[in-house]
């Protein structure tokens, strides 16, 4: 299974929802809390091109935030990314 990394803040409701979503799918993820870490937020912005949280990466590829993860799940693409299907990593 591809590695999932999620940049979050402690106060963000979408971050909590994204963490619950991946937990409900029994997907392990690494959380990087940028609440009080400006350098980590800068890193997140550099890697994703976005300023909002959460920012989710699967297999090193930025997929966006919570709504993006739900869209990928609905289309079946999330499972492909998680399983490292050819052409998705």
C-alpha atoms as a PDB file:
ATOM      1  CA  UNK A   1       0.000   0.000   0.000  1.00  0.00           C
ATOM      2  CA  UNK A   2       1.264   3.465  -0.905  1.00  0.00           C
ATOM      3  CA  UNK A   3       2.364   5.764   1.908  1.00  0.00           C
ATOM      4  CA  UNK A   4      -0.190   8.420   2.877  1.00  0.00           C
ATOM      5  CA  UNK A   5       1.022  11.703   4.371  1.00  0.00           C
ATOM      6  CA  UNK A   6      -1.394  14.358   5.577  1.00  0.00           C
ATOM      7  CA  UNK A   7      -0.497  17.937   6.521  1.00  0.00           C
ATOM      8  CA  UNK A   8      -3.006  19.218   9.089  1.00  0.00           C
ATOM      9  CA  UNK A   9      -3.712  21.796  11.762  1.00  0.00           C
ATOM     10  CA  UNK A  10      -5.173  21.056  15.182  1.00  0.00           C
ATOM     11  CA  UNK A  11      -8.237  23.272  14.685  1.00  0.00           C
ATOM     12  CA  UNK A  12      -9.294  22.350  11.132  1.00  0.00           C
ATOM     13  CA  UNK A  13     -12.625  20.463  10.795  1.00  0.00           C
ATOM     14  CA  UNK A  14     -11.668  19.223   7.316  1.00  0.00           C
ATOM     15  CA  UNK A  15      -8.453  17.792   8.757  1.00  0.00           C
ATOM     16  CA  UNK A  16     -10.435  15.883  11.379  1.00  0.00           C
ATOM     17  CA  UNK A  17     -12.824  14.652   8.684  1.00  0.00           C
ATOM     18  CA  UNK A  18      -9.951  13.522   6.447  1.00  0.00           C
ATOM     19  CA  UNK A  19      -8.291  11.651   9.311  1.00  0.00           C
ATOM     20  CA  UNK A  20     -11.584   9.941  10.164  1.00  0.00           C
ATOM     21  CA  UNK A  21     -12.176   9.102   6.509  1.00  0.00           C
ATOM     22  CA  UNK A  22      -8.808   7.369   6.081  1.00  0.00           C
ATOM     23  CA  UNK A  23      -9.143   5.651   9.462  1.00  0.00           C
ATOM     24  CA  UNK A  24     -12.584   4.319   8.426  1.00  0.00           C
ATOM     25  CA  UNK A  25     -10.947   2.863   5.317  1.00  0.00           C
ATOM     26  CA  UNK A  26      -8.277   1.310   7.584  1.00  0.00           C
ATOM     27  CA  UNK A  27      -5.543   3.278   5.816  1.00  0.00           C
ATOM     28  CA  UNK A  28      -2.517   4.157   7.920  1.00  0.00           C
ATOM     29  CA  UNK A  29      -1.200   7.666   7.426  1.00  0.00           C
ATOM     30  CA  UNK A  30       1.507   9.944   8.722  1.00  0.00           C
ATOM     31  CA  UNK A  31       0.208  13.225  10.084  1.00  0.00           C
ATOM     32  CA  UNK A  32       2.315  16.368   9.934  1.00  0.00           C
ATOM     33  CA  UNK A  33       0.746  19.056  12.117  1.00  0.00           C
ATOM     34  CA  UNK A  34       1.677  22.513  10.827  1.00  0.00           C
ATOM     35  CA  UNK A  35      -0.301  24.433  13.475  1.00  0.00           C
ATOM     36  CA  UNK A  36       2.749  25.883  15.195  1.00  0.00           C
ATOM     37  CA  UNK A  37       5.408  24.941  12.643  1.00  0.00           C
ATOM     38  CA  UNK A  38       5.809  27.668   9.995  1.00  0.00           C
ATOM     39  CA  UNK A  39       8.667  25.774   8.313  1.00  0.00           C
ATOM     40  CA  UNK A  40       6.472  22.708   7.868  1.00  0.00           C
ATOM     41  CA  UNK A  41       3.673  24.852   6.426  1.00  0.00           C
ATOM     42  CA  UNK A  42       6.148  26.341   3.935  1.00  0.00           C
ATOM     43  CA  UNK A  43       7.232  22.799   3.034  1.00  0.00           C
ATOM     44  CA  UNK A  44       3.580  21.787   2.542  1.00  0.00           C
ATOM     45  CA  UNK A  45       2.953  24.780   0.280  1.00  0.00           C
ATOM     46  CA  UNK A  46       6.080  24.057  -1.749  1.00  0.00           C
ATOM     47  CA  UNK A  47       5.179  20.394  -2.229  1.00  0.00           C
ATOM     48  CA  UNK A  48       1.463  20.846  -2.916  1.00  0.00           C
ATOM     49  CA  UNK A  49       1.258  24.325  -4.415  1.00  0.00           C
ATOM     50  CA  UNK A  50      -1.602  24.999  -2.001  1.00  0.00           C
ATOM     51  CA  UNK A  51      -1.953  26.901   1.276  1.00  0.00           C
ATOM     52  CA  UNK A  52      -5.021  25.190   2.746  1.00  0.00           C
ATOM     53  CA  UNK A  53      -5.148  22.155   5.005  1.00  0.00           C
ATOM     54  CA  UNK A  54      -5.425  19.297   4.901  1.00  0.00           C
ATOM     55  CA  UNK A  55      -3.021  18.522   2.104  1.00  0.00           C
ATOM     56  CA  UNK A  56      -2.877  14.811   1.393  1.00  0.00           C
ATOM     57  CA  UNK A  57      -0.130  12.951  -0.438  1.00  0.00           C
ATOM     58  CA  UNK A  58      -0.371   9.359  -1.599  1.00  0.00           C
ATOM     59  CA  UNK A  59       2.834   7.719  -2.726  1.00  0.00           C
ATOM     60  CA  UNK A  60       4.429  11.170  -2.742  1.00  0.00           C
ATOM     61  CA  UNK A  61       1.797  12.571  -5.123  1.00  0.00           C
ATOM     62  CA  UNK A  62      -0.336  15.496  -3.904  1.00  0.00           C
ATOM     63  CA  UNK A  63      -4.029  14.705  -4.232  1.00  0.00           C
ATOM     64  CA  UNK A  64      -5.394  17.842  -2.548  1.00  0.00           C
ATOM     65  CA  UNK A  65      -7.634  18.006   0.490  1.00  0.00           C
ATOM     66  CA  UNK A  66     -10.560  16.210   2.050  1.00  0.00           C
ATOM     67  CA  UNK A  67     -13.057  16.956  -0.735  1.00  0.00           C
ATOM     68  CA  UNK A  68     -10.521  15.796  -3.315  1.00  0.00           C
ATOM     69  CA  UNK A  69     -10.042  12.523  -1.424  1.00  0.00           C
ATOM     70  CA  UNK A  70     -13.812  11.969  -1.404  1.00  0.00           C
ATOM     71  CA  UNK A  71     -14.011  12.632  -5.151  1.00  0.00           C
ATOM     72  CA  UNK A  72     -11.186  10.195  -5.816  1.00  0.00           C
ATOM     73  CA  UNK A  73     -12.918   7.613  -3.632  1.00  0.00           C
ATOM     74  CA  UNK A  74     -16.218   8.037  -5.484  1.00  0.00           C
ATOM     75  CA  UNK A  75     -14.505   7.531  -8.843  1.00  0.00           C
ATOM     76  CA  UNK A  76     -12.490   4.502  -7.673  1.00  0.00           C
ATOM     77  CA  UNK A  77      -9.204   6.300  -8.248  1.00  0.00           C
ATOM     78  CA  UNK A  78      -8.362   6.496  -4.539  1.00  0.00           C
ATOM     79  CA  UNK A  79      -8.119   2.727  -4.273  1.00  0.00           C
ATOM     80  CA  UNK A  80      -5.864   2.659  -7.341  1.00  0.00           C
ATOM     81  CA  UNK A  81      -3.578   5.286  -5.814  1.00  0.00           C
ATOM     82  CA  UNK A  82      -3.468   3.488  -2.487  1.00  0.00           C
ATOM     83  CA  UNK A  83      -2.611   0.235  -4.212  1.00  0.00           C
ATOM     84  CA  UNK A  84       0.031   1.884  -6.383  1.00  0.00           C
ATOM     85  CA  UNK A  85      -1.654   0.979  -9.663  1.00  0.00           C
ATOM     86  CA  UNK A  86       0.508   1.579 -12.752  1.00  0.00           C
ATOM     87  CA  UNK A  87       0.372   5.132 -13.958  1.00  0.00           C
ATOM     88  CA  UNK A  88      -0.953   6.535 -10.674  1.00  0.00           C
ATOM     89  CA  UNK A  89       2.221   6.815  -8.642  1.00  0.00           C
END
